[in-house]
């Protein structure tokens, strides 16, 4: 091959290589690879103080379950958290000495009265013998509870009753006491709860 032709061939080959390299370079610049989230996002530290949504929801569920279990345990003693007077053992006279006169009293049949203490979020039902048979609470912490949450922790109610717009879900705490959740249809959440002693709601001193 003549030197002039050989030089021309080499020049053409070199130009082709440079052109190909330039095209590859432009292609890489114009279309970057899609980043891998796992590779670009660092793992959260184990001591991260900002919880992710899932752990927060789980924590809320655990708190609700704990609250419901505490309500049931207190009900076994005739009590409700935040109210120190128990059904079946406390007398309304004791309450009045401690809390003063009720904001109002409502009759509920022969010999039965309900005393409302608004500042205590409490309503206490007592019979003619002054024995408290029903302890009710409408504490704001109860208002977030739903039937689904209640059943997830306590199971199905032993009985269900209707009272106007309200549905009353009754759970057996033990042989002495019932734990009731009153849920209005309009809200779907607990309005108030009741720890009730059926035995003491039969007014043996009436008449």
C-alpha atoms as a PDB file:
ATOM      1  CA  UNK A   1       0.000   0.000   0.000  1.00  0.00           C
ATOM      2  CA  UNK A   2       1.275   3.424  -0.901  1.00  0.00           C
ATOM      3  CA  UNK A   3       2.237   5.668   2.032  1.00  0.00           C
ATOM      4  CA  UNK A   4      -0.312   8.321   1.009  1.00  0.00           C
ATOM      5  CA  UNK A   5      -3.198   5.807   0.959  1.00  0.00           C
ATOM      6  CA  UNK A   6      -2.076   4.182   4.208  1.00  0.00           C
ATOM      7  CA  UNK A   7      -2.017   7.569   5.957  1.00  0.00           C
ATOM      8  CA  UNK A   8      -5.471   8.348   4.622  1.00  0.00           C
ATOM      9  CA  UNK A   9      -6.892   5.045   5.947  1.00  0.00           C
ATOM     10  CA  UNK A  10      -5.384   5.645   9.398  1.00  0.00           C
ATOM     11  CA  UNK A  11      -6.843   9.164   9.461  1.00  0.00           C
ATOM     12  CA  UNK A  12     -10.295   7.861   8.597  1.00  0.00           C
ATOM     13  CA  UNK A  13     -10.117   5.123  11.261  1.00  0.00           C
ATOM     14  CA  UNK A  14      -8.986   7.632  13.911  1.00  0.00           C
ATOM     15  CA  UNK A  15     -11.822  10.000  13.015  1.00  0.00           C
ATOM     16  CA  UNK A  16     -14.338   7.150  13.339  1.00  0.00           C
ATOM     17  CA  UNK A  17     -13.046   6.184  16.787  1.00  0.00           C
ATOM     18  CA  UNK A  18     -13.195   9.790  18.035  1.00  0.00           C
ATOM     19  CA  UNK A  19     -16.726  10.210  16.667  1.00  0.00           C
ATOM     20  CA  UNK A  20     -17.907   7.017  18.428  1.00  0.00           C
ATOM     21  CA  UNK A  21     -16.346   8.125  21.703  1.00  0.00           C
ATOM     22  CA  UNK A  22     -18.004  11.517  21.423  1.00  0.00           C
ATOM     23  CA  UNK A  23     -21.416   9.893  20.819  1.00  0.00           C
ATOM     24  CA  UNK A  24     -21.041   7.615  23.836  1.00  0.00           C
ATOM     25  CA  UNK A  25     -20.039  10.583  25.978  1.00  0.00           C
ATOM     26  CA  UNK A  26     -23.061  12.624  24.848  1.00  0.00           C
ATOM     27  CA  UNK A  27     -25.393   9.684  25.465  1.00  0.00           C
ATOM     28  CA  UNK A  28     -24.206   9.233  29.046  1.00  0.00           C
ATOM     29  CA  UNK A  29     -24.598  12.931  29.740  1.00  0.00           C
ATOM     30  CA  UNK A  30     -28.110  13.265  28.268  1.00  0.00           C
ATOM     31  CA  UNK A  31     -29.633  10.122  29.850  1.00  0.00           C
ATOM     32  CA  UNK A  32     -28.357   9.494  33.385  1.00  0.00           C
ATOM     33  CA  UNK A  33     -29.146   6.145  34.975  1.00  0.00           C
ATOM     34  CA  UNK A  34     -32.130   6.039  37.341  1.00  0.00           C
ATOM     35  CA  UNK A  35     -30.774   6.214  40.902  1.00  0.00           C
ATOM     36  CA  UNK A  36     -31.365   3.269  43.220  1.00  0.00           C
ATOM     37  CA  UNK A  37     -33.268   4.531  46.348  1.00  0.00           C
ATOM     38  CA  UNK A  38     -31.670   1.859  48.473  1.00  0.00           C
ATOM     39  CA  UNK A  39     -28.247   2.986  47.406  1.00  0.00           C
ATOM     40  CA  UNK A  40     -28.833   6.731  47.643  1.00  0.00           C
ATOM     41  CA  UNK A  41     -30.923   6.849  50.835  1.00  0.00           C
ATOM     42  CA  UNK A  42     -28.969   6.079  54.008  1.00  0.00           C
ATOM     43  CA  UNK A  43     -30.539   3.695  56.493  1.00  0.00           C
ATOM     44  CA  UNK A  44     -32.192   5.415  59.462  1.00  0.00           C
ATOM     45  CA  UNK A  45     -30.066   5.208  62.597  1.00  0.00           C
ATOM     46  CA  UNK A  46     -31.368   2.925  65.302  1.00  0.00           C
ATOM     47  CA  UNK A  47     -31.518   5.831  67.753  1.00  0.00           C
ATOM     48  CA  UNK A  48     -33.483   8.107  65.445  1.00  0.00           C
ATOM     49  CA  UNK A  49     -35.741  10.291  67.597  1.00  0.00           C
ATOM     50  CA  UNK A  50     -38.206  10.980  64.746  1.00  0.00           C
ATOM     51  CA  UNK A  51     -40.509   7.953  64.419  1.00  0.00           C
ATOM     52  CA  UNK A  52     -41.794   6.882  61.038  1.00  0.00           C
ATOM     53  CA  UNK A  53     -45.581   6.776  60.489  1.00  0.00           C
ATOM     54  CA  UNK A  54     -45.829   2.997  60.991  1.00  0.00           C
ATOM     55  CA  UNK A  55     -44.198   2.904  64.456  1.00  0.00           C
ATOM     56  CA  UNK A  56     -46.299   5.904  65.505  1.00  0.00           C
ATOM     57  CA  UNK A  57     -49.516   4.112  64.543  1.00  0.00           C
ATOM     58  CA  UNK A  58     -48.374   0.987  66.339  1.00  0.00           C
ATOM     59  CA  UNK A  59     -47.551   2.989  69.442  1.00  0.00           C
ATOM     60  CA  UNK A  60     -51.017   4.572  69.357  1.00  0.00           C
ATOM     61  CA  UNK A  61     -52.619   1.145  69.059  1.00  0.00           C
ATOM     62  CA  UNK A  62     -50.585  -0.139  71.992  1.00  0.00           C
ATOM     63  CA  UNK A  63     -51.638   2.848  74.112  1.00  0.00           C
ATOM     64  CA  UNK A  64     -55.297   2.256  73.282  1.00  0.00           C
ATOM     65  CA  UNK A  65     -55.026  -1.434  74.119  1.00  0.00           C
ATOM     66  CA  UNK A  66     -53.331  -0.586  77.414  1.00  0.00           C
ATOM     67  CA  UNK A  67     -56.077   1.920  78.254  1.00  0.00           C
ATOM     68  CA  UNK A  68     -58.839  -0.620  77.556  1.00  0.00           C
ATOM     69  CA  UNK A  69     -57.157  -3.339  79.604  1.00  0.00           C
ATOM     70  CA  UNK A  70     -56.824  -0.883  82.493  1.00  0.00           C
ATOM     71  CA  UNK A  71     -60.536  -0.044  82.237  1.00  0.00           C
ATOM     72  CA  UNK A  72     -61.410  -3.727  82.492  1.00  0.00           C
ATOM     73  CA  UNK A  73     -59.082  -4.299  85.457  1.00  0.00           C
ATOM     74  CA  UNK A  74     -60.548  -1.309  87.304  1.00  0.00           C
ATOM     75  CA  UNK A  75     -64.069  -2.491  86.488  1.00  0.00           C
ATOM     76  CA  UNK A  76     -63.358  -5.761  88.291  1.00  0.00           C
ATOM     77  CA  UNK A  77     -63.092  -3.611  91.433  1.00  0.00           C
ATOM     78  CA  UNK A  78     -66.194  -1.581  90.619  1.00  0.00           C
ATOM     79  CA  UNK A  79     -64.091   1.435  89.682  1.00  0.00           C
ATOM     80  CA  UNK A  80     -63.156   3.694  86.779  1.00  0.00           C
ATOM     81  CA  UNK A  81     -59.739   5.389  86.462  1.00  0.00           C
ATOM     82  CA  UNK A  82     -59.882   8.910  87.876  1.00  0.00           C
ATOM     83  CA  UNK A  83     -62.857   8.158  90.138  1.00  0.00           C
ATOM     84  CA  UNK A  84     -61.909   6.744  93.511  1.00  0.00           C
ATOM     85  CA  UNK A  85     -65.415   5.695  94.552  1.00  0.00           C
ATOM     86  CA  UNK A  86     -66.446   2.168  93.622  1.00  0.00           C
ATOM     87  CA  UNK A  87     -69.808   0.659  92.855  1.00  0.00           C
ATOM     88  CA  UNK A  88     -71.120  -1.898  95.383  1.00  0.00           C
ATOM     89  CA  UNK A  89     -68.969  -0.574  98.256  1.00  0.00           C
ATOM     90  CA  UNK A  90     -69.064   3.253  98.333  1.00  0.00           C
ATOM     91  CA  UNK A  91     -71.928   5.335  99.697  1.00  0.00           C
ATOM     92  CA  UNK A  92     -73.056   8.629  98.186  1.00  0.00           C
ATOM     93  CA  UNK A  93     -72.681  10.200 101.651  1.00  0.00           C
ATOM     94  CA  UNK A  94     -68.924   9.598 101.457  1.00  0.00           C
ATOM     95  CA  UNK A  95     -68.783  11.280  98.066  1.00  0.00           C
ATOM     96  CA  UNK A  96     -70.690  14.342  99.264  1.00  0.00           C
ATOM     97  CA  UNK A  97     -68.335  14.776 102.233  1.00  0.00           C
ATOM     98  CA  UNK A  98     -65.382  14.705  99.866  1.00  0.00           C
ATOM     99  CA  UNK A  99     -66.662  16.306  96.661  1.00  0.00           C
ATOM    100  CA  UNK A 100     -69.550  18.336  98.058  1.00  0.00           C
ATOM    101  CA  UNK A 101     -73.089  18.394  96.733  1.00  0.00           C
ATOM    102  CA  UNK A 102     -73.620  17.215  93.178  1.00  0.00           C
ATOM    103  CA  UNK A 103     -74.201  19.743  90.386  1.00  0.00           C
ATOM    104  CA  UNK A 104     -77.551  18.066  89.840  1.00  0.00           C
ATOM    105  CA  UNK A 105     -79.481  14.932  90.755  1.00  0.00           C
ATOM    106  CA  UNK A 106     -81.886  13.057  88.516  1.00  0.00           C
ATOM    107  CA  UNK A 107     -84.360  10.385  89.548  1.00  0.00           C
ATOM    108  CA  UNK A 108     -84.281   7.140  87.585  1.00  0.00           C
ATOM    109  CA  UNK A 109     -87.197   5.132  88.844  1.00  0.00           C
ATOM    110  CA  UNK A 110     -88.392   4.453  92.371  1.00  0.00           C
ATOM    111  CA  UNK A 111     -85.538   4.853  94.821  1.00  0.00           C
ATOM    112  CA  UNK A 112     -82.777   5.402  92.212  1.00  0.00           C
ATOM    113  CA  UNK A 113     -80.906   8.688  91.771  1.00  0.00           C
ATOM    114  CA  UNK A 114     -78.028   9.800  89.551  1.00  0.00           C
ATOM    115  CA  UNK A 115     -75.707  12.518  90.879  1.00  0.00           C
ATOM    116  CA  UNK A 116     -73.679  14.499  88.342  1.00  0.00           C
ATOM    117  CA  UNK A 117     -70.240  15.915  89.207  1.00  0.00           C
ATOM    118  CA  UNK A 118     -69.251  17.824  86.078  1.00  0.00           C
ATOM    119  CA  UNK A 119     -65.745  18.828  87.201  1.00  0.00           C
ATOM    120  CA  UNK A 120     -64.965  15.179  87.948  1.00  0.00           C
ATOM    121  CA  UNK A 121     -66.446  13.978  84.622  1.00  0.00           C
ATOM    122  CA  UNK A 122     -68.475  11.624  86.794  1.00  0.00           C
ATOM    123  CA  UNK A 123     -72.068  10.539  87.265  1.00  0.00           C
ATOM    124  CA  UNK A 124     -72.853   8.254  90.213  1.00  0.00           C
ATOM    125  CA  UNK A 125     -76.020   6.208  90.478  1.00  0.00           C
ATOM    126  CA  UNK A 126     -77.162   5.202  93.965  1.00  0.00           C
ATOM    127  CA  UNK A 127     -80.140   3.413  95.448  1.00  0.00           C
ATOM    128  CA  UNK A 128     -82.420   4.198  98.370  1.00  0.00           C
ATOM    129  CA  UNK A 129     -79.862   2.743 100.759  1.00  0.00           C
ATOM    130  CA  UNK A 130     -77.319   5.344  99.476  1.00  0.00           C
ATOM    131  CA  UNK A 131     -75.176   2.551  98.006  1.00  0.00           C
ATOM    132  CA  UNK A 132     -73.567   3.400  94.669  1.00  0.00           C
ATOM    133  CA  UNK A 133     -74.458   0.825  92.003  1.00  0.00           C
ATOM    134  CA  UNK A 134     -73.367   2.691  88.856  1.00  0.00           C
ATOM    135  CA  UNK A 135     -70.166   4.679  88.251  1.00  0.00           C
ATOM    136  CA  UNK A 136     -70.045   6.585  84.961  1.00  0.00           C
ATOM    137  CA  UNK A 137     -67.299   8.643  83.355  1.00  0.00           C
ATOM    138  CA  UNK A 138     -67.281  10.887  80.305  1.00  0.00           C
ATOM    139  CA  UNK A 139     -63.594  11.767  80.588  1.00  0.00           C
ATOM    140  CA  UNK A 140     -62.311  13.241  77.267  1.00  0.00           C
ATOM    141  CA  UNK A 141     -59.668  10.501  76.990  1.00  0.00           C
ATOM    142  CA  UNK A 142     -62.510   8.031  76.346  1.00  0.00           C
ATOM    143  CA  UNK A 143     -63.972   9.921  73.400  1.00  0.00           C
ATOM    144  CA  UNK A 144     -61.431   8.639  70.874  1.00  0.00           C
ATOM    145  CA  UNK A 145     -62.320   4.966  71.456  1.00  0.00           C
ATOM    146  CA  UNK A 146     -64.207   3.066  68.754  1.00  0.00           C
ATOM    147  CA  UNK A 147     -66.040  -0.262  68.845  1.00  0.00           C
ATOM    148  CA  UNK A 148     -63.398  -1.795  66.580  1.00  0.00           C
ATOM    149  CA  UNK A 149     -60.626  -0.871  69.025  1.00  0.00           C
ATOM    150  CA  UNK A 150     -62.661  -2.135  71.977  1.00  0.00           C
ATOM    151  CA  UNK A 151     -63.377  -5.502  70.368  1.00  0.00           C
ATOM    152  CA  UNK A 152     -59.766  -5.930  69.236  1.00  0.00           C
ATOM    153  CA  UNK A 153     -58.685  -5.763  72.879  1.00  0.00           C
ATOM    154  CA  UNK A 154     -61.661  -7.040  74.892  1.00  0.00           C
ATOM    155  CA  UNK A 155     -63.361  -9.312  72.377  1.00  0.00           C
ATOM    156  CA  UNK A 156     -67.071  -9.337  71.573  1.00  0.00           C
ATOM    157  CA  UNK A 157     -69.519  -7.854  74.109  1.00  0.00           C
ATOM    158  CA  UNK A 158     -71.639 -10.155  76.215  1.00  0.00           C
ATOM    159  CA  UNK A 159     -74.743  -8.105  75.397  1.00  0.00           C
ATOM    160  CA  UNK A 160     -75.825  -5.136  73.283  1.00  0.00           C
ATOM    161  CA  UNK A 161     -78.699  -2.774  74.042  1.00  0.00           C
ATOM    162  CA  UNK A 162     -80.191   0.235  72.286  1.00  0.00           C
ATOM    163  CA  UNK A 163     -81.241   3.469  73.961  1.00  0.00           C
ATOM    164  CA  UNK A 164     -82.402   5.980  71.375  1.00  0.00           C
ATOM    165  CA  UNK A 165     -79.382   7.006  69.285  1.00  0.00           C
ATOM    166  CA  UNK A 166     -77.038   5.227  71.699  1.00  0.00           C
ATOM    167  CA  UNK A 167     -75.803   1.667  71.476  1.00  0.00           C
ATOM    168  CA  UNK A 168     -74.664   0.150  74.776  1.00  0.00           C
ATOM    169  CA  UNK A 169     -71.988  -2.530  74.524  1.00  0.00           C
ATOM    170  CA  UNK A 170     -71.845  -4.575  77.723  1.00  0.00           C
ATOM    171  CA  UNK A 171     -68.795  -6.573  78.806  1.00  0.00           C
ATOM    172  CA  UNK A 172     -68.694  -8.834  81.845  1.00  0.00           C
ATOM    173  CA  UNK A 173     -65.860  -7.735  84.130  1.00  0.00           C
ATOM    174  CA  UNK A 174     -66.626 -10.475  86.662  1.00  0.00           C
ATOM    175  CA  UNK A 175     -69.631 -11.939  88.477  1.00  0.00           C
ATOM    176  CA  UNK A 176     -70.260  -8.647  90.283  1.00  0.00           C
ATOM    177  CA  UNK A 177     -69.646  -5.941  87.671  1.00  0.00           C
ATOM    178  CA  UNK A 178     -70.342  -5.035  84.071  1.00  0.00           C
ATOM    179  CA  UNK A 179     -68.259  -2.643  81.972  1.00  0.00           C
ATOM    180  CA  UNK A 180     -70.412  -0.693  79.511  1.00  0.00           C
ATOM    181  CA  UNK A 181     -69.365   1.462  76.547  1.00  0.00           C
ATOM    182  CA  UNK A 182     -72.020   3.884  75.309  1.00  0.00           C
ATOM    183  CA  UNK A 183     -71.506   4.850  71.663  1.00  0.00           C
ATOM    184  CA  UNK A 184     -73.883   7.260  69.865  1.00  0.00           C
ATOM    185  CA  UNK A 185     -74.672   6.394  66.265  1.00  0.00           C
ATOM    186  CA  UNK A 186     -73.970  10.015  65.311  1.00  0.00           C
ATOM    187  CA  UNK A 187     -70.276   9.847  66.294  1.00  0.00           C
ATOM    188  CA  UNK A 188     -69.301   6.183  66.245  1.00  0.00           C
ATOM    189  CA  UNK A 189     -67.062   6.817  69.248  1.00  0.00           C
ATOM    190  CA  UNK A 190     -67.462   6.370  72.989  1.00  0.00           C
ATOM    191  CA  UNK A 191     -69.474   9.095  74.748  1.00  0.00           C
ATOM    192  CA  UNK A 192     -69.119   7.636  78.245  1.00  0.00           C
ATOM    193  CA  UNK A 193     -68.534   4.386  80.080  1.00  0.00           C
ATOM    194  CA  UNK A 194     -70.238   2.760  83.035  1.00  0.00           C
ATOM    195  CA  UNK A 195     -69.196   0.253  85.678  1.00  0.00           C
ATOM    196  CA  UNK A 196     -72.463  -1.265  86.808  1.00  0.00           C
ATOM    197  CA  UNK A 197     -73.438  -3.615  89.643  1.00  0.00           C
ATOM    198  CA  UNK A 198     -76.697  -5.324  88.614  1.00  0.00           C
ATOM    199  CA  UNK A 199     -77.117  -6.814  92.083  1.00  0.00           C
ATOM    200  CA  UNK A 200     -77.276  -3.367  93.682  1.00  0.00           C
ATOM    201  CA  UNK A 201     -79.603  -1.937  91.053  1.00  0.00           C
ATOM    202  CA  UNK A 202     -82.385  -4.066  92.559  1.00  0.00           C
ATOM    203  CA  UNK A 203     -83.550  -1.709  95.246  1.00  0.00           C
ATOM    204  CA  UNK A 204     -84.212  -3.982  98.211  1.00  0.00           C
ATOM    205  CA  UNK A 205     -85.223  -0.993 100.341  1.00  0.00           C
ATOM    206  CA  UNK A 206     -87.807   0.405  97.957  1.00  0.00           C
ATOM    207  CA  UNK A 207     -91.469   0.356  98.824  1.00  0.00           C
END
